[in-house]
Amino acid sequence: MGSPSVQLLAVLLVLGLCALAGAQKPSPCRCSRIAVENRKNCGFPGITPDTCFSMGCCFDSKVPNVPWCFHPLPKQESEQCVMEVSTRRNCGYPGISPEECASRKCCFSDNIFDVPWCFFPIPVEDCHY
């Protein structure tokens, strides 16, 4: 670990870059729907919730021995469609179009192979910080 002044400089640099990028607090669904074992560290020891959120990351200190400041799930067109790919429940068939998927009132995302591209949404009421 570097000296305290080097660590402080690194923190200030990260915060400055985030401020320039306009980072903001992620939506509750992007934070609460990620499994604790899948959290990817986004902070540093002792980070505050406000600092974490200002970096565009999620903060949850309820679970010990996992990152408390972590990267959110990717943003989706609808909050109901924010979920880990492992929790997707198929709502279509191979080759379904985005339009056909939408007509079934389902979510569509074709950016990951070998998972359902058309999948059932999850109610937003299930999301919380």
N, C-alpha and C. Protein backbone atom coordinates (compact mmCIF):
# COMPACT_ATOMS: atom_id res chain seq x y z
N MET A 1 0.85 -1.16 0.00
CA MET A 1 0.00 0.00 0.00
C MET A 1 0.90 1.23 0.00
N GLY A 2 0.54 2.26 -0.76
CA GLY A 2 1.33 3.48 -0.84
C GLY A 2 1.14 4.35 0.38
N SER A 3 1.88 5.46 0.39
CA SER A 3 1.78 6.39 1.51
C SER A 3 0.40 7.04 1.53
N PRO A 4 -0.01 7.56 2.69
CA PRO A 4 -1.34 8.19 2.78
C PRO A 4 -1.52 9.33 1.78
N SER A 5 -0.47 10.10 1.52
CA SER A 5 -0.61 11.21 0.58
C SER A 5 -0.82 10.71 -0.85
N VAL A 6 -0.20 9.59 -1.21
CA VAL A 6 -0.40 9.01 -2.54
C VAL A 6 -1.82 8.46 -2.65
N GLN A 7 -2.29 7.82 -1.58
CA GLN A 7 -3.66 7.29 -1.59
C GLN A 7 -4.67 8.43 -1.72
N LEU A 8 -4.44 9.53 -0.99
CA LEU A 8 -5.34 10.68 -1.05
C LEU A 8 -5.34 11.27 -2.45
N LEU A 9 -4.18 11.38 -3.05
CA LEU A 9 -4.07 11.90 -4.41
C LEU A 9 -4.85 11.02 -5.40
N ALA A 10 -4.74 9.71 -5.23
CA ALA A 10 -5.46 8.78 -6.11
C ALA A 10 -6.96 8.94 -5.95
N VAL A 11 -7.43 9.08 -4.71
CA VAL A 11 -8.86 9.27 -4.45
C VAL A 11 -9.35 10.57 -5.08
N LEU A 12 -8.59 11.65 -4.91
CA LEU A 12 -8.98 12.93 -5.48
C LEU A 12 -9.01 12.87 -7.01
N LEU A 13 -8.07 12.15 -7.60
CA LEU A 13 -8.06 11.99 -9.05
C LEU A 13 -9.30 11.25 -9.52
N VAL A 14 -9.65 10.16 -8.85
CA VAL A 14 -10.85 9.39 -9.22
C VAL A 14 -12.09 10.25 -9.07
N LEU A 15 -12.20 10.97 -7.97
CA LEU A 15 -13.37 11.82 -7.75
C LEU A 15 -13.45 12.91 -8.79
N GLY A 16 -12.32 13.49 -9.15
CA GLY A 16 -12.31 14.53 -10.18
C GLY A 16 -12.73 14.00 -11.52
N LEU A 17 -12.25 12.83 -11.89
CA LEU A 17 -12.64 12.23 -13.16
C LEU A 17 -14.12 11.89 -13.19
N CYS A 18 -14.65 11.41 -12.07
CA CYS A 18 -16.08 11.10 -11.99
C CYS A 18 -16.92 12.36 -12.09
N ALA A 19 -16.47 13.43 -11.47
CA ALA A 19 -17.21 14.68 -11.54
C ALA A 19 -17.23 15.19 -12.98
N LEU A 20 -16.11 15.05 -13.69
CA LEU A 20 -16.07 15.47 -15.09
C LEU A 20 -16.99 14.61 -15.94
N ALA A 21 -17.09 13.34 -15.63
CA ALA A 21 -17.94 12.43 -16.40
C ALA A 21 -19.41 12.57 -16.03
N GLY A 22 -19.71 13.33 -14.98
CA GLY A 22 -21.09 13.53 -14.57
C GLY A 22 -21.71 12.29 -13.96
N ALA A 23 -20.92 11.53 -13.21
CA ALA A 23 -21.43 10.31 -12.59
C ALA A 23 -22.56 10.66 -11.63
N GLN A 24 -23.52 9.76 -11.55
CA GLN A 24 -24.64 9.97 -10.64
C GLN A 24 -25.04 8.64 -10.01
N LYS A 25 -25.81 8.75 -8.95
CA LYS A 25 -26.26 7.58 -8.21
C LYS A 25 -27.08 6.67 -9.14
N PRO A 26 -26.73 5.39 -9.23
CA PRO A 26 -27.49 4.46 -10.08
C PRO A 26 -28.89 4.22 -9.50
N SER A 27 -29.78 3.76 -10.34
CA SER A 27 -31.15 3.45 -9.90
C SER A 27 -31.13 2.29 -8.91
N PRO A 28 -32.15 2.20 -8.05
CA PRO A 28 -32.20 1.10 -7.07
C PRO A 28 -32.15 -0.28 -7.73
N CYS A 29 -32.81 -0.46 -8.88
CA CYS A 29 -32.81 -1.78 -9.52
C CYS A 29 -31.42 -2.19 -9.98
N ARG A 30 -30.63 -1.23 -10.43
CA ARG A 30 -29.28 -1.54 -10.90
C ARG A 30 -28.37 -1.95 -9.75
N CYS A 31 -28.75 -1.63 -8.52
CA CYS A 31 -27.93 -1.97 -7.35
C CYS A 31 -28.46 -3.18 -6.59
N SER A 32 -29.78 -3.21 -6.35
CA SER A 32 -30.33 -4.26 -5.48
C SER A 32 -30.48 -5.61 -6.17
N ARG A 33 -30.44 -5.64 -7.48
CA ARG A 33 -30.64 -6.90 -8.19
C ARG A 33 -29.36 -7.64 -8.52
N ILE A 34 -28.24 -7.15 -8.04
CA ILE A 34 -26.98 -7.85 -8.30
C ILE A 34 -26.67 -8.75 -7.10
N ALA A 35 -26.34 -9.99 -7.36
CA ALA A 35 -26.03 -10.94 -6.29
C ALA A 35 -24.73 -10.52 -5.60
N VAL A 36 -24.69 -10.66 -4.28
CA VAL A 36 -23.51 -10.20 -3.53
C VAL A 36 -22.23 -10.86 -4.03
N GLU A 37 -22.31 -12.12 -4.44
CA GLU A 37 -21.10 -12.80 -4.91
C GLU A 37 -20.63 -12.28 -6.27
N ASN A 38 -21.46 -11.50 -6.94
CA ASN A 38 -21.09 -10.95 -8.25
C ASN A 38 -20.68 -9.48 -8.18
N ARG A 39 -20.60 -8.93 -6.99
CA ARG A 39 -20.20 -7.52 -6.85
C ARG A 39 -18.75 -7.33 -7.29
N LYS A 40 -18.52 -6.29 -8.10
CA LYS A 40 -17.18 -5.91 -8.55
C LYS A 40 -16.83 -4.60 -7.86
N ASN A 41 -15.73 -4.60 -7.14
CA ASN A 41 -15.33 -3.46 -6.33
C ASN A 41 -15.22 -2.18 -7.16
N CYS A 42 -15.74 -1.10 -6.60
CA CYS A 42 -15.75 0.20 -7.28
C CYS A 42 -15.17 1.27 -6.37
N GLY A 43 -14.72 0.89 -5.19
CA GLY A 43 -14.27 1.89 -4.24
C GLY A 43 -12.96 1.53 -3.58
N PHE A 44 -12.84 1.95 -2.35
CA PHE A 44 -11.63 1.73 -1.58
C PHE A 44 -12.04 1.59 -0.12
N PRO A 45 -11.20 1.00 0.72
CA PRO A 45 -11.56 0.83 2.13
C PRO A 45 -11.92 2.17 2.78
N GLY A 46 -13.04 2.19 3.48
CA GLY A 46 -13.47 3.38 4.18
C GLY A 46 -14.27 4.36 3.35
N ILE A 47 -14.59 4.01 2.13
CA ILE A 47 -15.35 4.92 1.27
C ILE A 47 -16.73 5.19 1.87
N THR A 48 -17.22 6.40 1.72
CA THR A 48 -18.55 6.75 2.23
C THR A 48 -19.60 6.49 1.16
N PRO A 49 -20.85 6.32 1.56
CA PRO A 49 -21.91 6.14 0.56
C PRO A 49 -21.96 7.30 -0.44
N ASP A 50 -21.85 8.54 0.04
CA ASP A 50 -21.92 9.69 -0.86
C ASP A 50 -20.80 9.67 -1.90
N THR A 51 -19.60 9.35 -1.47
CA THR A 51 -18.47 9.29 -2.40
C THR A 51 -18.67 8.17 -3.41
N CYS A 52 -19.14 7.03 -2.92
CA CYS A 52 -19.40 5.89 -3.80
C CYS A 52 -20.45 6.25 -4.85
N PHE A 53 -21.57 6.83 -4.40
CA PHE A 53 -22.64 7.21 -5.33
C PHE A 53 -22.15 8.27 -6.32
N SER A 54 -21.30 9.19 -5.86
CA SER A 54 -20.81 10.25 -6.76
C SER A 54 -19.93 9.68 -7.86
N MET A 55 -19.43 8.47 -7.67
CA MET A 55 -18.62 7.80 -8.69
C MET A 55 -19.50 6.95 -9.62
N GLY A 56 -20.83 7.02 -9.41
CA GLY A 56 -21.74 6.25 -10.25
C GLY A 56 -21.86 4.80 -9.83
N CYS A 57 -21.50 4.51 -8.58
CA CYS A 57 -21.50 3.13 -8.08
C CYS A 57 -22.59 2.93 -7.03
N CYS A 58 -22.80 1.69 -6.66
CA CYS A 58 -23.78 1.29 -5.65
C CYS A 58 -23.08 1.15 -4.31
N PHE A 59 -23.83 1.35 -3.22
CA PHE A 59 -23.27 1.18 -1.89
C PHE A 59 -24.25 0.40 -1.03
N ASP A 60 -23.75 -0.67 -0.38
CA ASP A 60 -24.55 -1.48 0.54
C ASP A 60 -23.60 -2.12 1.53
N SER A 61 -23.68 -1.69 2.78
CA SER A 61 -22.75 -2.19 3.81
C SER A 61 -23.36 -3.27 4.69
N LYS A 62 -24.50 -3.84 4.28
CA LYS A 62 -25.18 -4.83 5.13
C LYS A 62 -24.51 -6.20 5.13
N VAL A 63 -23.74 -6.51 4.08
CA VAL A 63 -23.15 -7.84 3.96
C VAL A 63 -21.64 -7.74 4.18
N PRO A 64 -21.10 -8.45 5.19
CA PRO A 64 -19.66 -8.39 5.43
C PRO A 64 -18.88 -9.21 4.40
N ASN A 65 -17.62 -8.86 4.25
CA ASN A 65 -16.66 -9.62 3.42
C ASN A 65 -16.95 -9.61 1.93
N VAL A 66 -17.69 -8.62 1.47
CA VAL A 66 -17.88 -8.39 0.03
C VAL A 66 -17.73 -6.89 -0.19
N PRO A 67 -17.47 -6.46 -1.44
CA PRO A 67 -17.36 -5.01 -1.67
C PRO A 67 -18.66 -4.30 -1.29
N TRP A 68 -18.50 -3.19 -0.57
CA TRP A 68 -19.66 -2.38 -0.19
C TRP A 68 -19.94 -1.33 -1.26
N CYS A 69 -18.92 -0.88 -1.95
CA CYS A 69 -19.06 0.04 -3.07
C CYS A 69 -18.76 -0.79 -4.31
N PHE A 70 -19.75 -0.94 -5.17
CA PHE A 70 -19.61 -1.87 -6.30
C PHE A 70 -20.28 -1.33 -7.56
N HIS A 71 -19.84 -1.86 -8.69
CA HIS A 71 -20.38 -1.42 -9.99
C HIS A 71 -21.83 -1.90 -10.14
N PRO A 72 -22.70 -1.04 -10.69
CA PRO A 72 -24.10 -1.43 -10.88
C PRO A 72 -24.29 -2.33 -12.09
N LEU A 73 -25.47 -2.92 -12.17
CA LEU A 73 -25.85 -3.66 -13.38
C LEU A 73 -25.98 -2.66 -14.53
N PRO A 74 -25.83 -3.12 -15.77
CA PRO A 74 -25.96 -2.20 -16.91
C PRO A 74 -27.36 -1.58 -16.98
N LYS A 75 -27.40 -0.37 -17.46
CA LYS A 75 -28.67 0.35 -17.64
C LYS A 75 -29.45 -0.32 -18.76
N GLN A 76 -30.76 -0.40 -18.61
CA GLN A 76 -31.64 -0.97 -19.62
C GLN A 76 -32.68 0.07 -20.03
N GLU A 77 -33.39 -0.21 -21.09
CA GLU A 77 -34.42 0.72 -21.57
C GLU A 77 -35.49 0.95 -20.51
N SER A 78 -35.83 -0.10 -19.77
CA SER A 78 -36.83 -0.02 -18.72
C SER A 78 -36.24 -0.58 -17.42
N GLU A 79 -36.57 0.03 -16.31
CA GLU A 79 -36.09 -0.46 -15.01
C GLU A 79 -36.54 -1.90 -14.75
N GLN A 80 -37.68 -2.28 -15.29
CA GLN A 80 -38.18 -3.65 -15.10
C GLN A 80 -37.28 -4.67 -15.77
N CYS A 81 -36.43 -4.22 -16.69
CA CYS A 81 -35.57 -5.14 -17.44
C CYS A 81 -34.17 -5.23 -16.88
N VAL A 82 -33.88 -4.49 -15.82
CA VAL A 82 -32.56 -4.53 -15.19
C VAL A 82 -32.48 -5.79 -14.33
N MET A 83 -31.56 -6.68 -14.68
CA MET A 83 -31.37 -7.93 -13.91
C MET A 83 -30.09 -8.60 -14.37
N GLU A 84 -29.58 -9.49 -13.55
CA GLU A 84 -28.43 -10.29 -13.97
C GLU A 84 -28.90 -11.27 -15.04
N VAL A 85 -28.03 -11.57 -15.99
CA VAL A 85 -28.43 -12.47 -17.07
C VAL A 85 -28.82 -13.84 -16.55
N SER A 86 -28.24 -14.26 -15.44
CA SER A 86 -28.57 -15.58 -14.88
C SER A 86 -30.01 -15.66 -14.37
N THR A 87 -30.65 -14.52 -14.13
CA THR A 87 -32.03 -14.54 -13.63
C THR A 87 -33.06 -14.34 -14.74
N ARG A 88 -32.60 -14.18 -15.98
CA ARG A 88 -33.54 -14.02 -17.10
C ARG A 88 -34.38 -15.27 -17.29
N ARG A 89 -35.71 -15.07 -17.42
CA ARG A 89 -36.64 -16.17 -17.74
C ARG A 89 -37.13 -15.96 -19.16
N ASN A 90 -36.92 -16.95 -20.00
CA ASN A 90 -37.22 -16.85 -21.42
C ASN A 90 -38.68 -16.50 -21.68
N CYS A 91 -38.89 -15.55 -22.58
CA CYS A 91 -40.22 -15.09 -22.94
C CYS A 91 -40.43 -15.22 -24.45
N GLY A 92 -39.49 -15.82 -25.12
CA GLY A 92 -39.59 -15.89 -26.58
C GLY A 92 -39.06 -17.19 -27.14
N TYR A 93 -38.39 -17.06 -28.25
CA TYR A 93 -37.83 -18.22 -28.96
C TYR A 93 -36.60 -17.72 -29.72
N PRO A 94 -35.72 -18.63 -30.13
CA PRO A 94 -34.52 -18.20 -30.86
C PRO A 94 -34.89 -17.40 -32.12
N GLY A 95 -34.26 -16.26 -32.28
CA GLY A 95 -34.51 -15.43 -33.46
C GLY A 95 -35.67 -14.46 -33.32
N ILE A 96 -36.30 -14.38 -32.15
CA ILE A 96 -37.42 -13.47 -31.96
C ILE A 96 -36.95 -12.03 -32.21
N SER A 97 -37.81 -11.23 -32.80
CA SER A 97 -37.48 -9.84 -33.08
C SER A 97 -37.78 -8.98 -31.85
N PRO A 98 -37.14 -7.82 -31.76
CA PRO A 98 -37.46 -6.91 -30.65
C PRO A 98 -38.94 -6.53 -30.63
N GLU A 99 -39.54 -6.38 -31.81
CA GLU A 99 -40.95 -6.00 -31.90
C GLU A 99 -41.86 -7.11 -31.38
N GLU A 100 -41.59 -8.36 -31.77
CA GLU A 100 -42.39 -9.49 -31.30
C GLU A 100 -42.24 -9.64 -29.78
N CYS A 101 -41.02 -9.45 -29.29
CA CYS A 101 -40.77 -9.54 -27.85
C CYS A 101 -41.57 -8.45 -27.12
N ALA A 102 -41.55 -7.24 -27.65
CA ALA A 102 -42.28 -6.13 -27.02
C ALA A 102 -43.78 -6.39 -27.05
N SER A 103 -44.27 -7.04 -28.11
CA SER A 103 -45.71 -7.33 -28.19
C SER A 103 -46.12 -8.33 -27.10
N ARG A 104 -45.17 -9.08 -26.58
CA ARG A 104 -45.43 -10.00 -25.48
C ARG A 104 -45.25 -9.32 -24.12
N LYS A 105 -44.97 -8.01 -24.16
CA LYS A 105 -44.71 -7.21 -22.95
C LYS A 105 -43.49 -7.72 -22.18
N CYS A 106 -42.46 -8.10 -22.96
CA CYS A 106 -41.22 -8.61 -22.38
C CYS A 106 -40.05 -7.70 -22.72
N CYS A 107 -38.93 -7.96 -22.10
CA CYS A 107 -37.70 -7.20 -22.30
C CYS A 107 -36.88 -7.83 -23.40
N PHE A 108 -36.10 -7.01 -24.12
CA PHE A 108 -35.25 -7.52 -25.18
C PHE A 108 -33.86 -6.92 -25.06
N SER A 109 -32.85 -7.77 -25.06
CA SER A 109 -31.46 -7.35 -25.08
C SER A 109 -30.65 -8.45 -25.75
N ASP A 110 -30.03 -8.13 -26.87
CA ASP A 110 -29.30 -9.15 -27.64
C ASP A 110 -27.78 -8.96 -27.59
N ASN A 111 -27.29 -8.31 -26.54
CA ASN A 111 -25.85 -8.04 -26.48
C ASN A 111 -25.03 -9.13 -25.79
N ILE A 112 -25.67 -10.19 -25.28
CA ILE A 112 -24.95 -11.30 -24.65
C ILE A 112 -25.43 -12.60 -25.28
N PHE A 113 -24.50 -13.41 -25.75
CA PHE A 113 -24.84 -14.68 -26.38
C PHE A 113 -25.15 -15.75 -25.35
N ASP A 114 -25.87 -16.77 -25.77
CA ASP A 114 -26.17 -17.96 -24.96
C ASP A 114 -27.05 -17.68 -23.73
N VAL A 115 -27.83 -16.61 -23.78
CA VAL A 115 -28.83 -16.32 -22.75
C VAL A 115 -30.09 -15.86 -23.48
N PRO A 116 -31.25 -15.94 -22.82
CA PRO A 116 -32.46 -15.45 -23.49
C PRO A 116 -32.35 -13.96 -23.83
N TRP A 117 -32.69 -13.63 -25.07
CA TRP A 117 -32.70 -12.23 -25.50
C TRP A 117 -34.05 -11.59 -25.22
N CYS A 118 -35.08 -12.38 -25.21
CA CYS A 118 -36.42 -11.91 -24.87
C CYS A 118 -36.76 -12.55 -23.53
N PHE A 119 -36.98 -11.72 -22.52
CA PHE A 119 -37.16 -12.26 -21.17
C PHE A 119 -38.20 -11.45 -20.40
N PHE A 120 -38.79 -12.14 -19.41
CA PHE A 120 -39.84 -11.53 -18.60
C PHE A 120 -39.28 -10.41 -17.73
N PRO A 121 -40.01 -9.30 -17.59
CA PRO A 121 -39.58 -8.22 -16.70
C PRO A 121 -39.82 -8.58 -15.24
N ILE A 122 -39.21 -7.82 -14.36
CA ILE A 122 -39.39 -7.96 -12.92
C ILE A 122 -39.99 -6.65 -12.41
N PRO A 123 -41.04 -6.70 -11.60
CA PRO A 123 -41.66 -5.46 -11.11
C PRO A 123 -40.66 -4.55 -10.41
N VAL A 124 -40.76 -3.26 -10.67
CA VAL A 124 -39.86 -2.29 -10.08
C VAL A 124 -40.04 -2.18 -8.58
N GLU A 125 -41.22 -2.54 -8.08
CA GLU A 125 -41.47 -2.47 -6.64
C GLU A 125 -40.49 -3.34 -5.85
N ASP A 126 -39.87 -4.31 -6.52
CA ASP A 126 -38.91 -5.19 -5.87
C ASP A 126 -37.56 -4.50 -5.63
N CYS A 127 -37.36 -3.32 -6.20
CA CYS A 127 -36.09 -2.62 -6.09
C CYS A 127 -36.04 -1.75 -4.86
N HIS A 128 -34.89 -1.69 -4.24
CA HIS A 128 -34.69 -0.87 -3.04
C HIS A 128 -33.21 -0.63 -2.85
N TYR A 129 -32.88 0.41 -2.13
CA TYR A 129 -31.47 0.66 -1.78
C TYR A 129 -31.16 -0.02 -0.49
